[in-house]
Amino acid sequence: MLTNFTLDVDAGQLVLTFDDVMDASTLDGTTLTLQNTKSGGSTIKLSGGTKSTANGYTLTLTLLSADLDKIKLNAAIGTSTSDTFLTTFAGVARDLSSFPSVAVLNPAGLQAASVTADTTAPTLVNASLNLATNQLLLTFDEAMNVTATQLVSVTVQNTLTAPSHSRQLTAGTVTGNSDSRILTIAMVKADFNAIKLNTQLGTSTANTHVAFALAAASDMT
């Protein structure tokens, strides 16, 4: 029987505790659903994950990036123990005698024993400047808060450090893709014209770099 669980959003892990020694190889993350109330409410059905290898009373599931993004993007789930509950079909894992764990079903969802918030700052992993569409695309390693992006803290510059040519964005419109890892900045005329008129800036990957202050973009926590 599943008796306890914790959610660590920062590490991207669910730790499940049972009343018997369980076979780690049998852990099936696809049977798990996170929800914000004991009886249901807002739900996120997990699509899998990487399971721990050691048998024991406690098994760890490292969440898939897509599932972790869904948790971060849903402000109703996974922010504290009061809005973090778990349900599962029978057999989320089996004991060493191959007996399946019993189901945890609504309206008796299991409440989290602890929830650890995301404390790791997002990392910009890619940037793309398109002066045909006048857009700057920023790709991060996790889901981002689109409305929190401060354009006045974003700068296009010709070198990674000590640039001799640069343009700090003054305004624009920011949109996100479906998982909000890619932010698209539609630049205003003053900014994209300034870049286009500068032959030392934004003409190749060699002279196109993006810098932003820590407050320029934030994740969902």
Protein backbone atom coordinates (compact mmCIF):
# COMPACT_ATOMS: atom_id res chain seq x y z
CA MET A 1 0.00 0.00 0.00
CA LEU A 2 1.19 3.51 -0.83
CA THR A 3 1.28 5.28 2.52
CA ASN A 4 3.17 8.50 1.91
CA PHE A 5 4.70 10.65 -0.82
CA THR A 6 6.74 13.80 -1.25
CA LEU A 7 7.07 16.10 -4.25
CA ASP A 8 10.31 17.95 -4.95
CA VAL A 9 9.63 20.39 -7.79
CA ASP A 10 13.18 21.71 -7.70
CA ALA A 11 14.71 18.24 -8.17
CA GLY A 12 11.80 17.06 -10.32
CA GLN A 13 11.15 13.98 -8.20
CA LEU A 14 8.32 12.09 -6.52
CA VAL A 15 9.33 9.92 -3.57
CA LEU A 16 6.78 7.18 -2.82
CA THR A 17 6.70 5.29 0.47
CA PHE A 18 4.97 1.91 0.84
CA ASP A 19 4.14 -0.41 3.75
CA ASP A 20 6.20 -3.24 2.24
CA VAL A 21 9.50 -3.68 0.42
CA MET A 22 8.78 -2.97 -3.24
CA ASP A 23 10.42 -4.12 -6.47
CA ALA A 24 11.82 -0.90 -7.98
CA SER A 25 11.72 -2.28 -11.52
CA THR A 26 7.91 -2.50 -11.37
CA LEU A 27 7.28 1.17 -10.61
CA ASP A 28 4.90 2.58 -13.24
CA GLY A 29 4.69 6.37 -13.28
CA THR A 30 1.87 6.34 -15.84
CA THR A 31 -0.55 5.14 -13.15
CA LEU A 32 -0.06 8.32 -11.09
CA THR A 33 -2.16 11.48 -11.13
CA LEU A 34 -1.39 14.64 -9.19
CA GLN A 35 -4.36 16.75 -8.14
CA ASN A 36 -5.03 19.79 -6.00
CA THR A 37 -7.74 18.36 -3.73
CA LYS A 38 -8.39 15.07 -1.98
CA SER A 39 -11.27 14.32 -4.33
CA GLY A 40 -9.87 15.61 -7.62
CA GLY A 41 -10.08 19.21 -8.80
CA SER A 42 -7.29 20.27 -11.13
CA THR A 43 -5.32 17.20 -12.24
CA ILE A 44 -2.06 16.28 -13.98
CA LYS A 45 -1.73 12.68 -15.15
CA LEU A 46 1.91 11.68 -15.32
CA SER A 47 3.21 10.18 -18.54
CA GLY A 48 6.13 8.25 -17.07
CA GLY A 49 9.50 9.01 -15.57
CA THR A 50 12.81 7.45 -14.58
CA LYS A 51 12.50 5.04 -11.66
CA SER A 52 15.04 4.31 -8.97
CA THR A 53 16.85 0.98 -9.14
CA ALA A 54 17.06 -0.04 -5.47
CA ASN A 55 14.28 -2.16 -3.96
CA GLY A 56 12.86 -0.83 -0.70
CA TYR A 57 10.01 0.76 1.17
CA THR A 58 10.77 4.00 -0.66
CA LEU A 59 10.91 4.38 -4.45
CA THR A 60 11.86 7.52 -6.37
CA LEU A 61 10.41 8.63 -9.68
CA THR A 62 12.28 11.34 -11.57
CA LEU A 63 9.65 13.18 -13.55
CA LEU A 64 9.71 13.71 -17.29
CA SER A 65 10.41 17.30 -18.37
CA ALA A 66 6.97 17.59 -19.96
CA ASP A 67 5.24 16.55 -16.73
CA LEU A 68 7.43 18.82 -14.62
CA ASP A 69 6.60 21.76 -16.89
CA LYS A 70 2.88 21.04 -16.46
CA ILE A 71 3.29 21.17 -12.69
CA LYS A 72 5.21 24.44 -12.84
CA LEU A 73 2.70 26.00 -15.23
CA ASN A 74 -0.26 25.00 -13.07
CA ALA A 75 -0.36 27.37 -10.10
CA ALA A 76 -3.15 25.29 -8.53
CA ILE A 77 -1.03 22.16 -7.98
CA GLY A 78 2.26 21.43 -6.26
CA THR A 79 2.85 24.68 -4.40
CA SER A 80 2.32 23.27 -0.89
CA THR A 81 0.99 20.19 0.87
CA SER A 82 -2.47 21.76 0.92
CA ASP A 83 -2.79 21.57 -2.88
CA THR A 84 -0.82 18.40 -3.61
CA PHE A 85 -2.58 15.04 -3.62
CA LEU A 86 -1.94 11.78 -5.46
CA THR A 87 -4.14 9.03 -6.84
CA THR A 88 -3.08 5.82 -8.55
CA PHE A 89 -4.50 2.68 -10.05
CA ALA A 90 -3.66 -0.64 -8.42
CA GLY A 91 -0.15 -1.79 -9.22
CA VAL A 92 1.84 1.44 -9.28
CA ALA A 93 4.48 -0.98 -7.98
CA ARG A 94 4.70 -4.61 -6.86
CA ASP A 95 6.30 -6.12 -3.80
CA LEU A 96 9.01 -8.77 -3.94
CA SER A 97 6.33 -11.45 -4.13
CA SER A 98 4.80 -9.70 -7.16
CA PHE A 99 1.69 -8.56 -5.28
CA PRO A 100 0.48 -5.19 -6.64
CA SER A 101 0.00 -2.16 -4.44
CA VAL A 102 -3.64 -1.26 -3.86
CA ALA A 103 -5.29 1.62 -5.66
CA VAL A 104 -5.58 5.11 -4.19
CA LEU A 105 -8.75 6.57 -5.69
CA ASN A 106 -10.97 9.62 -5.42
CA PRO A 107 -12.42 10.89 -3.17
CA ALA A 108 -9.57 9.65 -0.97
CA GLY A 109 -6.49 11.06 -2.68
CA LEU A 110 -3.28 10.82 -0.66
CA GLN A 111 -1.97 14.17 0.58
CA ALA A 112 1.72 15.01 0.16
CA ALA A 113 3.84 14.83 3.30
CA SER A 114 6.06 17.60 1.96
CA VAL A 115 6.46 19.78 -1.12
CA THR A 116 9.76 21.41 -2.09
CA ALA A 117 9.43 24.46 -4.32
CA ASP A 118 11.51 25.19 -7.40
CA THR A 119 14.45 27.31 -6.25
CA THR A 120 16.76 26.89 -9.26
CA ALA A 121 16.94 29.87 -11.61
CA PRO A 122 16.17 29.15 -15.28
CA THR A 123 19.02 28.96 -17.80
CA LEU A 124 18.96 30.49 -21.27
CA VAL A 125 20.09 27.68 -23.58
CA ASN A 126 19.53 29.21 -27.02
CA ALA A 127 18.74 32.52 -28.70
CA SER A 128 17.67 33.26 -32.26
CA LEU A 129 17.35 36.68 -33.89
CA ASN A 130 15.15 36.95 -36.98
CA LEU A 131 15.29 40.39 -38.59
CA ALA A 132 12.90 39.30 -41.34
CA THR A 133 10.12 38.88 -38.79
CA ASN A 134 11.67 41.31 -36.27
CA GLN A 135 11.58 38.67 -33.55
CA LEU A 136 13.96 37.45 -30.88
CA LEU A 137 13.42 33.85 -29.69
CA LEU A 138 14.78 32.81 -26.31
CA THR A 139 14.85 29.13 -25.31
CA PHE A 140 15.15 28.17 -21.64
CA ASP A 141 15.68 24.89 -19.82
CA GLU A 142 12.30 25.04 -18.04
CA ALA A 143 8.83 26.56 -18.24
CA MET A 144 8.88 30.34 -18.04
CA ASN A 145 6.55 33.01 -16.74
CA VAL A 146 5.70 34.90 -19.94
CA THR A 147 4.16 37.90 -18.19
CA ALA A 148 7.20 38.41 -15.96
CA THR A 149 9.71 39.04 -18.77
CA GLN A 150 11.18 42.53 -18.54
CA LEU A 151 12.23 43.60 -22.01
CA VAL A 152 14.25 46.58 -20.80
CA SER A 153 16.67 44.05 -19.26
CA VAL A 154 17.31 42.22 -22.57
CA THR A 155 20.23 43.32 -24.73
CA VAL A 156 21.42 42.19 -28.17
CA GLN A 157 25.19 42.68 -28.42
CA ASN A 158 28.04 41.88 -30.81
CA THR A 159 30.27 39.95 -28.42
CA LEU A 160 29.72 37.73 -25.42
CA THR A 161 31.63 40.09 -23.12
CA ALA A 162 32.68 43.74 -23.36
CA PRO A 163 30.58 44.48 -26.48
CA SER A 164 31.40 47.47 -28.67
CA HIS A 165 27.96 47.44 -30.28
CA SER A 166 24.67 46.66 -28.54
CA ARG A 167 20.98 47.44 -28.39
CA GLN A 168 19.00 47.19 -25.19
CA LEU A 169 15.37 46.44 -25.97
CA THR A 170 12.94 49.16 -24.94
CA ALA A 171 9.57 47.47 -25.46
CA GLY A 172 7.77 44.73 -27.39
CA THR A 173 5.34 41.86 -27.02
CA VAL A 174 6.27 38.55 -25.40
CA THR A 175 4.50 35.27 -26.13
CA GLY A 176 5.28 31.68 -25.12
CA ASN A 177 4.97 28.34 -26.87
CA SER A 178 2.82 25.49 -25.52
CA ASP A 179 5.23 24.56 -22.73
CA SER A 180 6.51 28.14 -22.25
CA ARG A 181 10.15 27.13 -22.66
CA ILE A 182 10.46 29.31 -25.76
CA LEU A 183 9.70 33.01 -25.43
CA THR A 184 9.13 34.99 -28.61
CA ILE A 185 9.78 38.71 -28.39
CA ALA A 186 8.17 40.81 -31.11
CA MET A 187 10.47 43.81 -31.10
CA VAL A 188 9.25 47.36 -31.57
CA LYS A 189 10.31 49.38 -34.61
CA ALA A 190 12.85 51.52 -32.79
CA ASP A 191 14.71 48.44 -31.57
CA PHE A 192 14.77 46.33 -34.72
CA ASN A 193 15.66 49.33 -36.88
CA ALA A 194 18.56 50.16 -34.58
CA ILE A 195 19.88 46.63 -35.00
CA LYS A 196 19.35 46.60 -38.77
CA LEU A 197 21.16 49.92 -39.22
CA ASN A 198 24.21 48.66 -37.31
CA THR A 199 26.31 46.53 -39.66
CA GLN A 200 28.39 45.32 -36.71
CA LEU A 201 25.41 43.81 -34.95
CA GLY A 202 22.98 41.00 -35.74
CA THR A 203 24.34 40.11 -39.19
CA SER A 204 25.68 36.64 -38.23
CA THR A 205 25.94 34.29 -35.27
CA ALA A 206 29.41 35.67 -34.63
CA ASN A 207 28.15 39.16 -33.82
CA THR A 208 24.82 38.26 -32.26
CA HIS A 209 24.70 37.55 -28.54
CA VAL A 210 21.93 38.04 -26.02
CA ALA A 211 22.44 39.25 -22.47
CA PHE A 212 19.81 39.75 -19.81
CA ALA A 213 19.73 40.72 -16.17
CA LEU A 214 18.63 38.07 -13.66
CA ALA A 215 15.30 39.83 -13.30
CA ALA A 216 14.66 39.88 -17.05
CA ALA A 217 12.93 36.50 -17.12
CA SER A 218 11.70 34.16 -14.41
CA ASP A 219 10.28 30.69 -14.19
CA MET A 220 6.87 29.86 -12.74
CA THR A 221 7.95 29.92 -9.07
